[in-house]
Amino acid sequence: MVTVSESFRTTLEGVVRELGALPVPWNPAEGRASVEGPVLVLGGGAETDAIDILPELDRAGPVFLVGASTDHRLGSAAVRAGARDYFALPGDLDPLRRTLEREGRERRGASEGGRFAAAERSASGFAAIVGNSEAMRRALDQARRVTRHGGVTVLITGETGTGKELLARAIHYEGPRATGPFVEINCAAIPATLLESELFGHEKGAFTGAIATKPGLFELAHGGTLFLDEIGTMPMELQAKLLRSLESREIRRVGGQRTHRIEVRVIAATHGDLRSAITRGEFREDLFYRLNVVALTLPPLRERLQDVEQLAEVFLDRLAATYALPVPPLTPALRAALHAHPWPGNVRELRNTMERGLVLSPRGSLDAEALFASDAPPAAPPGSGGLPFPADLGTINRAAARAMVEFTSGNKSEAARRLGISRPRLNRLLDDSTH
């Protein structure tokens, strides 16, 4: 099993129980496993060995490798061995939850057809977005006007955790493409070497490990919506291919000779400033204007604090049902604490805070100390020192990049977000620092 704290193990078990995934701990003595539905192969501490058994699994559904290491090479190896994706816990808990939710929706959609789309309008439509503040109502009013135009490309901006994916789902399931698939990909979570194949697919033999023809996400989203999250991290060379596909409505698989016609609505999202990325030469200006047909901006939680209590109550209701616990009351002291917190992680942070507090507090109550237990940043290690000074600006920038990657335990996406730069820019700073 993955080596995590007891509270986090409880969280993972709750996600599995809620979303119907089957955990399969890696055990060489067990040999093959025959299962249906999404499978989590848990390889904490033995990820490389777990990858070796992926081809041996007899399964009807997708397989996801869940481990503890943040080494991006494991993700590449897992995908080549047949896994749909790799998640490093605890940092990837939210992407894991969203992925399993999506798999559940797709399975229900395959069996229920049009009835599924109607159910999704209720579960993933605008009614599922909580918030009555003026800033949130203004953003949702703009989104509703876009919804009925199924071919319009949309760019959603907003800080990390503001609910960009939830808004994208609402636009899809409230619009004319609701009966089609909703396919998502986080461009920052896929290694650059695999992203092109994920989006456009590949032909058998196109590269080492391409043992069979694989359709890409554009093809899988045909007739529906493709959601490109963290579009600002996409490599420049791939941006050109994406632009051609958006303009021609055709894609060509990696290693392929013929084109495939696609009919999808593209919704892109980013937490960064794409105009600044254009100035830095990290994002194509022509692609920006192609994506920015309709721009929607989600406000950060600190700009709609009147929604905090409503969101907290909704999360407590859902989480208490997941863990089979009574719904604890929000005391006046807790409400004041929620309003006083800055919520740098926005709605995602609020949800995780409610989950942590519910799991760690005595049954039927919510303890403020448990609620904000992990908010204090870790202290710098003794003797770690600060940034070099005096020094030229380039040296300081490279040192800051190294320090932030170390601070985030090797999570480059999080490090780039905290520094306010793109993932490619961070990689260049790290590469320069090694020369």
Protein backbone atom coordinates (compact mmCIF):
# COMPACT_ATOMS: atom_id res chain seq x y z
CA MET A 1 0.00 0.00 0.00
CA VAL A 2 1.04 3.62 -0.40
CA THR A 3 2.91 4.88 2.63
CA VAL A 4 0.77 7.76 3.90
CA SER A 5 -0.65 8.99 7.19
CA GLU A 6 -3.69 7.26 8.69
CA SER A 7 -5.90 10.28 8.02
CA PHE A 8 -4.86 10.36 4.39
CA ARG A 9 -5.40 6.61 4.05
CA THR A 10 -8.94 7.22 5.31
CA THR A 11 -9.35 9.96 2.69
CA LEU A 12 -8.18 7.67 -0.11
CA GLU A 13 -10.47 4.88 1.04
CA GLY A 14 -13.35 7.35 1.06
CA VAL A 15 -12.60 8.38 -2.52
CA VAL A 16 -12.43 4.75 -3.62
CA ARG A 17 -15.70 3.91 -1.88
CA GLU A 18 -17.45 7.00 -3.20
CA LEU A 19 -16.36 6.66 -6.81
CA GLY A 20 -16.26 2.91 -7.32
CA ALA A 21 -12.58 2.29 -8.04
CA LEU A 22 -11.03 -1.02 -6.99
CA PRO A 23 -7.65 -0.79 -5.21
CA VAL A 24 -5.26 -3.59 -6.13
CA PRO A 25 -2.16 -3.60 -3.87
CA TRP A 26 0.88 -4.90 -5.71
CA ASN A 27 1.83 -8.36 -4.57
CA PRO A 28 4.04 -10.57 -6.75
CA ALA A 29 2.57 -13.72 -5.20
CA GLU A 30 -0.96 -12.83 -6.28
CA GLY A 31 -0.18 -12.89 -10.00
CA ARG A 32 -2.99 -11.84 -12.33
CA ALA A 33 -6.11 -10.02 -11.20
CA SER A 34 -9.37 -10.01 -13.15
CA VAL A 35 -11.48 -6.91 -12.47
CA GLU A 36 -14.02 -4.56 -14.06
CA GLY A 37 -14.17 -0.80 -13.83
CA PRO A 38 -11.29 1.55 -12.99
CA VAL A 39 -8.43 -0.04 -11.04
CA LEU A 40 -5.90 1.60 -8.75
CA VAL A 41 -2.63 -0.29 -8.66
CA LEU A 42 -1.03 0.86 -5.42
CA GLY A 43 2.73 0.74 -5.65
CA GLY A 44 3.97 3.03 -2.88
CA GLY A 45 7.65 2.23 -2.41
CA ALA A 46 7.59 -0.38 -5.19
CA GLU A 47 6.37 1.63 -8.18
CA THR A 48 8.85 0.09 -10.62
CA ASP A 49 7.77 -3.44 -9.67
CA ALA A 50 4.11 -2.42 -9.88
CA ILE A 51 4.67 -1.17 -13.43
CA ASP A 52 5.93 -4.62 -14.39
CA ILE A 53 2.58 -6.25 -13.55
CA LEU A 54 0.43 -3.74 -15.44
CA PRO A 55 0.52 -5.76 -18.71
CA GLU A 56 -0.51 -8.86 -16.70
CA LEU A 57 -3.75 -7.40 -15.38
CA ASP A 58 -6.89 -8.86 -16.95
CA ARG A 59 -9.26 -5.94 -16.70
CA ALA A 60 -12.26 -4.49 -18.49
CA GLY A 61 -11.65 -0.93 -17.32
CA PRO A 62 -8.77 1.56 -17.17
CA VAL A 63 -5.84 1.11 -14.78
CA PHE A 64 -4.21 3.91 -12.81
CA LEU A 65 -0.94 3.56 -10.93
CA VAL A 66 -0.91 5.30 -7.54
CA GLY A 67 2.43 5.76 -5.81
CA ALA A 68 4.39 8.01 -3.51
CA SER A 69 7.26 9.09 -5.78
CA THR A 70 7.03 12.37 -7.73
CA ASP A 71 9.56 11.25 -10.36
CA HIS A 72 7.94 12.13 -13.71
CA ARG A 73 9.73 9.20 -15.36
CA LEU A 74 7.44 6.81 -13.49
CA GLY A 75 4.44 8.39 -15.19
CA SER A 76 5.97 7.87 -18.61
CA ALA A 77 6.86 4.25 -17.82
CA ALA A 78 3.39 3.54 -16.41
CA VAL A 79 1.63 4.89 -19.51
CA ARG A 80 3.89 2.87 -21.81
CA ALA A 81 3.06 -0.25 -19.76
CA GLY A 82 -0.67 0.24 -20.21
CA ALA A 83 -1.75 2.53 -17.37
CA ARG A 84 -4.06 5.41 -18.17
CA ASP A 85 -2.17 7.72 -15.80
CA TYR A 86 0.08 7.89 -12.71
CA PHE A 87 -0.76 9.79 -9.51
CA ALA A 88 1.77 10.64 -6.79
CA LEU A 89 0.09 10.91 -3.40
CA PRO A 90 -0.70 12.97 -1.47
CA GLY A 91 -0.15 15.82 -3.93
CA ASP A 92 -2.27 14.31 -6.71
CA LEU A 93 -5.35 13.50 -4.63
CA ASP A 94 -7.56 16.07 -6.38
CA PRO A 95 -6.57 14.98 -9.92
CA LEU A 96 -7.15 11.36 -8.85
CA ARG A 97 -10.61 12.20 -7.53
CA ARG A 98 -11.54 14.11 -10.70
CA THR A 99 -10.26 11.30 -12.92
CA LEU A 100 -12.30 8.66 -11.10
CA GLU A 101 -15.37 10.90 -11.23
CA ARG A 102 -14.91 11.23 -14.98
CA GLU A 103 -14.54 7.47 -15.41
CA GLY A 104 -17.73 6.93 -13.44
CA ARG A 105 -19.58 9.39 -15.65
CA GLU A 106 -18.32 7.72 -18.82
CA ARG A 107 -19.38 4.26 -17.60
CA ARG A 108 -22.84 5.48 -16.69
CA GLY A 109 -23.06 7.31 -20.00
CA ALA A 110 -22.26 4.17 -21.99
CA SER A 111 -25.03 2.24 -20.27
CA GLU A 112 -27.72 4.90 -19.96
CA GLY A 113 -27.28 7.04 -23.08
CA GLY A 114 -29.40 10.19 -23.12
CA ARG A 115 -30.67 9.67 -19.56
CA PHE A 116 -27.10 10.12 -18.40
CA ALA A 117 -26.85 13.58 -19.99
CA ALA A 118 -30.01 14.69 -18.18
CA ALA A 119 -28.60 13.45 -14.87
CA GLU A 120 -25.32 15.24 -15.54
CA ARG A 121 -27.11 18.53 -16.08
CA SER A 122 -28.21 18.23 -12.48
CA ALA A 123 -24.92 16.92 -11.09
CA SER A 124 -22.48 18.97 -13.19
CA GLY A 125 -24.53 21.88 -14.52
CA PHE A 126 -24.68 25.42 -13.24
CA ALA A 127 -26.86 24.26 -10.34
CA ALA A 128 -23.82 22.39 -8.98
CA ILE A 129 -21.77 25.60 -8.73
CA VAL A 130 -22.22 27.11 -5.29
CA GLY A 131 -22.09 30.86 -4.82
CA ASN A 132 -24.43 33.85 -4.60
CA SER A 133 -21.89 36.65 -4.46
CA GLU A 134 -22.07 39.35 -7.09
CA ALA A 135 -18.66 38.41 -8.52
CA MET A 136 -19.71 34.78 -8.97
CA ARG A 137 -23.14 35.62 -10.40
CA ARG A 138 -21.52 37.88 -12.99
CA ALA A 139 -19.13 35.12 -14.10
CA LEU A 140 -21.92 32.54 -14.31
CA ASP A 141 -24.23 34.87 -16.25
CA GLN A 142 -21.54 35.28 -18.90
CA ALA A 143 -21.00 31.52 -19.04
CA ARG A 144 -24.72 30.81 -19.49
CA ARG A 145 -24.81 33.08 -22.54
CA VAL A 146 -21.99 31.06 -24.11
CA THR A 147 -23.48 27.66 -23.35
CA ARG A 148 -26.07 27.43 -26.11
CA HIS A 149 -23.45 28.12 -28.80
CA GLY A 150 -21.90 24.66 -29.00
CA GLY A 151 -19.06 25.54 -31.37
CA VAL A 152 -17.63 28.57 -29.58
CA THR A 153 -14.15 28.17 -28.10
CA VAL A 154 -13.88 29.34 -24.49
CA LEU A 155 -10.87 30.36 -22.38
CA ILE A 156 -11.41 30.19 -18.61
CA THR A 157 -8.94 32.02 -16.39
CA GLY A 158 -8.67 32.10 -12.64
CA GLU A 159 -6.38 31.16 -9.79
CA THR A 160 -5.71 27.54 -8.92
CA GLY A 161 -8.67 25.98 -7.13
CA THR A 162 -11.35 28.44 -8.24
CA GLY A 163 -13.38 25.79 -10.08
CA LYS A 164 -12.39 26.17 -13.73
CA GLU A 165 -13.05 22.51 -14.50
CA LEU A 166 -16.45 22.65 -12.80
CA LEU A 167 -17.40 25.64 -14.95
CA ALA A 168 -16.21 23.84 -18.09
CA ARG A 169 -18.41 20.86 -17.21
CA ALA A 170 -21.39 23.15 -16.66
CA ILE A 171 -20.93 24.74 -20.08
CA HIS A 172 -20.79 21.29 -21.66
CA TYR A 173 -23.70 19.63 -19.85
CA GLU A 174 -26.01 22.63 -20.16
CA GLY A 175 -25.31 23.00 -23.87
CA PRO A 176 -26.23 21.27 -27.14
CA ARG A 177 -23.30 18.83 -26.84
CA ALA A 178 -24.48 17.41 -23.51
CA THR A 179 -25.07 13.93 -24.95
CA GLY A 180 -21.51 13.84 -26.28
CA PRO A 181 -18.40 13.05 -24.22
CA PHE A 182 -16.65 15.49 -21.91
CA VAL A 183 -12.92 14.71 -22.12
CA GLU A 184 -10.35 16.51 -20.01
CA ILE A 185 -6.58 16.65 -19.83
CA ASN A 186 -4.26 18.60 -17.56
CA CYS A 187 -1.45 19.72 -19.86
CA ALA A 188 0.86 20.30 -16.87
CA ALA A 189 0.42 16.75 -15.56
CA ILE A 190 1.53 14.95 -18.74
CA PRO A 191 5.24 14.86 -19.69
CA ALA A 192 5.90 16.88 -22.83
CA THR A 193 7.08 13.74 -24.65
CA LEU A 194 3.68 12.09 -24.13
CA LEU A 195 1.34 15.06 -24.47
CA GLU A 196 1.22 15.02 -28.28
CA SER A 197 0.31 11.33 -28.32
CA GLU A 198 -2.35 11.87 -25.63
CA LEU A 199 -4.01 14.66 -27.59
CA PHE A 200 -3.69 13.42 -31.16
CA GLY A 201 -3.17 9.68 -30.75
CA HIS A 202 -0.52 7.57 -32.45
CA GLU A 203 -0.18 4.79 -34.98
CA LYS A 204 1.33 1.42 -34.19
CA GLY A 205 5.11 1.61 -34.33
CA ALA A 206 5.20 5.42 -34.29
CA PHE A 207 7.75 5.31 -31.45
CA THR A 208 9.30 2.88 -29.02
CA GLY A 209 6.50 1.39 -26.91
CA ALA A 210 3.71 2.17 -29.42
CA ILE A 211 2.62 -1.46 -29.65
CA ALA A 212 -0.86 -0.62 -30.95
CA THR A 213 -2.75 2.19 -32.63
CA LYS A 214 -4.26 4.55 -30.08
CA PRO A 215 -6.83 7.30 -30.75
CA GLY A 216 -6.13 10.60 -29.05
CA LEU A 217 -8.36 12.70 -26.83
CA PHE A 218 -9.50 14.85 -29.75
CA GLU A 219 -11.00 11.75 -31.36
CA LEU A 220 -12.45 10.52 -28.08
CA ALA A 221 -14.13 13.90 -27.60
CA HIS A 222 -15.74 13.88 -31.06
CA GLY A 223 -19.26 15.27 -30.80
CA GLY A 224 -18.60 16.66 -27.32
CA THR A 225 -16.13 18.87 -25.47
CA LEU A 226 -12.36 18.71 -24.97
CA PHE A 227 -11.19 20.55 -21.85
CA LEU A 228 -7.51 21.59 -21.96
CA ASP A 229 -6.55 22.52 -18.41
CA GLU A 230 -3.34 24.48 -17.73
CA ILE A 231 -2.99 25.29 -21.43
CA GLY A 232 -0.19 27.75 -20.61
CA THR A 233 2.21 24.88 -19.88
CA MET A 234 1.90 23.35 -23.36
CA PRO A 235 5.26 23.20 -25.21
CA MET A 236 5.64 25.75 -28.03
CA GLU A 237 6.10 23.13 -30.74
CA LEU A 238 2.86 21.43 -29.74
CA GLN A 239 1.02 24.77 -29.64
CA ALA A 240 1.55 25.08 -33.41
CA LYS A 241 -0.05 21.67 -34.03
CA LEU A 242 -2.96 22.51 -31.75
CA LEU A 243 -3.54 25.76 -33.62
CA ARG A 244 -3.64 23.96 -36.97
CA SER A 245 -6.13 21.43 -35.60
CA LEU A 246 -8.41 24.12 -34.20
CA GLU A 247 -8.41 26.01 -37.50
CA SER A 248 -8.81 23.01 -39.82
CA ARG A 249 -10.96 20.84 -37.52
CA GLU A 250 -8.68 17.96 -38.44
CA ILE A 251 -6.02 16.02 -36.55
CA ARG A 252 -3.24 13.67 -37.59
CA ARG A 253 -2.01 10.95 -35.27
CA VAL A 254 1.68 10.73 -34.40
CA GLY A 255 3.26 8.59 -37.09
CA GLY A 256 0.10 8.75 -39.23
CA GLN A 257 -0.30 9.76 -42.86
CA ARG A 258 -3.99 10.63 -43.05
CA THR A 259 -6.08 13.20 -41.23
CA HIS A 260 -9.19 12.61 -39.13
CA ARG A 261 -12.09 15.03 -39.06
CA ILE A 262 -13.08 16.18 -35.57
CA GLU A 263 -16.13 18.02 -34.32
CA VAL A 264 -15.52 19.23 -30.76
CA ARG A 265 -15.93 22.31 -28.63
CA VAL A 266 -12.59 23.25 -27.05
CA ILE A 267 -12.54 24.84 -23.61
CA ALA A 268 -9.11 25.85 -22.34
CA ALA A 269 -8.16 27.01 -18.87
CA THR A 270 -5.15 28.56 -17.18
CA HIS A 271 -4.22 30.05 -13.84
CA GLY A 272 -1.43 32.09 -15.42
CA ASP A 273 -1.33 35.28 -17.47
CA LEU A 274 -1.09 34.19 -21.10
CA ARG A 275 -0.44 37.74 -22.32
CA SER A 276 2.68 37.88 -20.15
CA ALA A 277 3.66 34.43 -21.43
CA ILE A 278 3.37 35.77 -24.99
CA THR A 279 5.69 38.64 -24.09
CA ARG A 280 8.21 36.16 -22.66
CA GLY A 281 8.02 34.06 -25.83
CA GLU A 282 6.43 31.10 -24.02
CA PHE A 283 2.99 31.15 -25.66
CA ARG A 284 1.94 31.73 -29.25
CA GLU A 285 0.01 34.92 -29.82
CA ASP A 286 -2.02 33.42 -32.68
CA LEU A 287 -3.07 30.47 -30.51
CA PHE A 288 -4.08 32.85 -27.71
CA TYR A 289 -6.45 34.73 -29.99
CA ARG A 290 -7.83 31.44 -31.36
CA LEU A 291 -8.61 30.24 -27.83
CA ASN A 292 -9.71 33.60 -26.47
CA VAL A 293 -12.92 33.82 -28.52
CA VAL A 294 -14.91 34.06 -25.29
CA ALA A 295 -12.98 34.77 -22.08
CA LEU A 296 -14.46 33.88 -18.69
CA THR A 297 -12.74 34.74 -15.41
CA LEU A 298 -13.55 33.04 -12.11
CA PRO A 299 -13.00 35.24 -9.03
CA PRO A 300 -10.78 34.00 -6.20
CA LEU A 301 -12.50 33.00 -2.97
CA ARG A 302 -11.11 36.03 -1.11
CA GLU A 303 -13.19 38.22 -3.44
CA ARG A 304 -16.42 36.37 -2.58
CA LEU A 305 -16.08 35.64 1.11
CA GLN A 306 -19.85 35.71 1.52
CA ASP A 307 -19.87 32.34 -0.29
CA VAL A 308 -17.48 30.67 2.16
CA GLU A 309 -20.07 29.52 4.69
CA GLN A 310 -22.41 28.16 2.00
CA LEU A 311 -19.55 26.26 0.36
CA ALA A 312 -18.36 24.89 3.71
CA GLU A 313 -21.84 23.60 4.55
CA VAL A 314 -22.22 21.94 1.15
CA PHE A 315 -18.84 20.23 1.48
CA LEU A 316 -19.61 19.04 5.00
CA ASP A 317 -22.90 17.50 3.85
CA ARG A 318 -21.24 15.64 0.97
CA LEU A 319 -18.19 14.51 2.93
CA ALA A 320 -20.19 13.37 5.95
CA ALA A 321 -22.25 11.16 3.63
CA THR A 322 -19.08 9.77 2.07
CA TYR A 323 -17.54 8.83 5.43
CA ALA A 324 -20.84 7.81 7.05
CA LEU A 325 -20.44 10.49 9.73
CA PRO A 326 -22.97 12.92 11.24
CA VAL A 327 -22.85 16.44 9.81
CA PRO A 328 -21.10 18.65 12.40
CA PRO A 329 -22.43 22.15 13.11
CA LEU A 330 -20.56 25.27 12.06
CA THR A 331 -20.27 27.23 15.30
CA PRO A 332 -20.02 31.05 15.29
CA ALA A 333 -16.31 30.73 16.16
CA LEU A 334 -15.72 28.42 13.20
CA ARG A 335 -17.62 30.73 10.85
CA ALA A 336 -15.46 33.64 11.99
CA ALA A 337 -12.31 31.56 11.42
CA LEU A 338 -13.44 30.64 7.91
CA HIS A 339 -14.02 34.30 7.05
CA ALA A 340 -10.66 35.35 8.49
CA HIS A 341 -8.65 32.81 6.49
CA PRO A 342 -7.15 34.18 3.21
CA TRP A 343 -7.82 30.93 1.22
CA PRO A 344 -4.85 31.11 -1.16
CA GLY A 345 -5.91 27.71 -2.53
CA ASN A 346 -9.47 28.95 -3.09
CA VAL A 347 -12.42 26.53 -3.22
CA ARG A 348 -10.18 23.47 -3.51
CA GLU A 349 -8.39 24.46 -0.30
CA LEU A 350 -11.73 25.01 1.45
CA ARG A 351 -12.96 21.57 0.45
CA ASN A 352 -9.76 19.88 1.61
CA THR A 353 -9.89 21.85 4.86
CA MET A 354 -13.43 20.64 5.53
CA GLU A 355 -12.40 17.07 4.75
CA ARG A 356 -9.38 17.22 7.05
CA GLY A 357 -11.39 18.75 9.87
CA LEU A 358 -14.18 16.21 9.53
CA VAL A 359 -11.80 13.24 9.56
CA LEU A 360 -9.60 14.45 12.43
CA SER A 361 -12.27 15.93 14.72
CA PRO A 362 -14.28 13.95 17.28
CA ARG A 363 -17.40 12.38 15.76
CA GLY A 364 -20.21 14.89 15.29
CA SER A 365 -18.03 17.94 15.82
CA LEU A 366 -15.60 20.13 13.95
CA ASP A 367 -12.43 21.15 15.78
CA ALA A 368 -10.81 24.43 14.70
CA GLU A 369 -7.33 23.13 15.54
CA ALA A 370 -7.85 20.08 13.29
CA LEU A 371 -9.41 22.26 10.60
CA PHE A 372 -6.32 24.40 10.06
CA ALA A 373 -3.76 21.87 11.27
CA SER A 374 -1.56 21.93 8.15
CA ASP A 375 -1.75 25.61 7.22
CA ALA A 376 1.55 26.66 8.80
CA PRO A 377 4.33 26.52 6.19
CA PRO A 378 7.24 24.25 7.03
CA ALA A 379 10.26 25.96 8.50
CA ALA A 380 13.38 26.24 6.41
CA PRO A 381 15.99 23.62 7.31
CA PRO A 382 18.82 24.87 9.53
CA GLY A 383 21.71 26.29 7.59
CA SER A 384 19.80 26.30 4.31
CA GLY A 385 20.59 29.96 3.79
CA GLY A 386 18.76 32.44 1.55
CA LEU A 387 19.05 33.51 -2.04
CA PRO A 388 22.47 34.66 -3.22
CA PHE A 389 22.96 38.39 -2.77
CA PRO A 390 24.52 40.48 -4.04
CA ALA A 391 24.29 38.75 -7.41
CA ASP A 392 23.04 39.39 -10.92
CA LEU A 393 19.30 38.96 -11.57
CA GLY A 394 19.77 35.76 -13.58
CA THR A 395 21.61 34.07 -10.72
CA ILE A 396 18.92 35.11 -8.24
CA ASN A 397 16.16 33.82 -10.54
CA ARG A 398 17.85 30.45 -10.97
CA ALA A 399 18.43 30.14 -7.23
CA ALA A 400 14.79 31.01 -6.55
CA ALA A 401 13.66 28.30 -8.98
CA ARG A 402 15.84 25.67 -7.28
CA ALA A 403 14.70 26.74 -3.82
CA MET A 404 11.00 26.62 -4.75
CA VAL A 405 11.28 23.16 -6.32
CA GLU A 406 12.96 21.96 -3.14
CA PHE A 407 10.29 23.67 -1.02
CA THR A 408 7.49 21.90 -2.96
CA SER A 409 9.23 18.50 -2.65
CA GLY A 410 9.98 18.30 -6.36
CA ASN A 411 6.48 19.27 -7.57
CA LYS A 412 7.43 21.49 -10.51
CA SER A 413 3.85 22.45 -11.39
CA GLU A 414 3.26 23.74 -7.87
CA ALA A 415 6.66 25.44 -7.85
CA ALA A 416 5.88 27.24 -11.12
CA ARG A 417 2.49 28.34 -9.74
CA ARG A 418 4.03 29.76 -6.56
CA LEU A 419 6.70 31.59 -8.56
CA GLY A 420 4.11 32.99 -10.97
CA ILE A 421 5.84 31.59 -14.06
CA SER A 422 5.06 28.86 -16.58
CA ARG A 423 6.32 25.29 -16.27
CA PRO A 424 8.55 25.63 -19.40
CA ARG A 425 10.06 28.81 -17.94
CA LEU A 426 10.81 26.97 -14.68
CA ASN A 427 12.45 24.10 -16.58
CA ARG A 428 14.68 26.53 -18.46
CA LEU A 429 15.79 28.18 -15.20
CA LEU A 430 16.59 24.77 -13.71
CA ASP A 431 18.47 23.69 -16.83
CA ASP A 432 20.52 26.91 -16.81
CA SER A 433 21.41 26.37 -13.16
CA THR A 434 23.09 23.06 -13.95
CA HIS A 435 25.49 24.55 -16.51
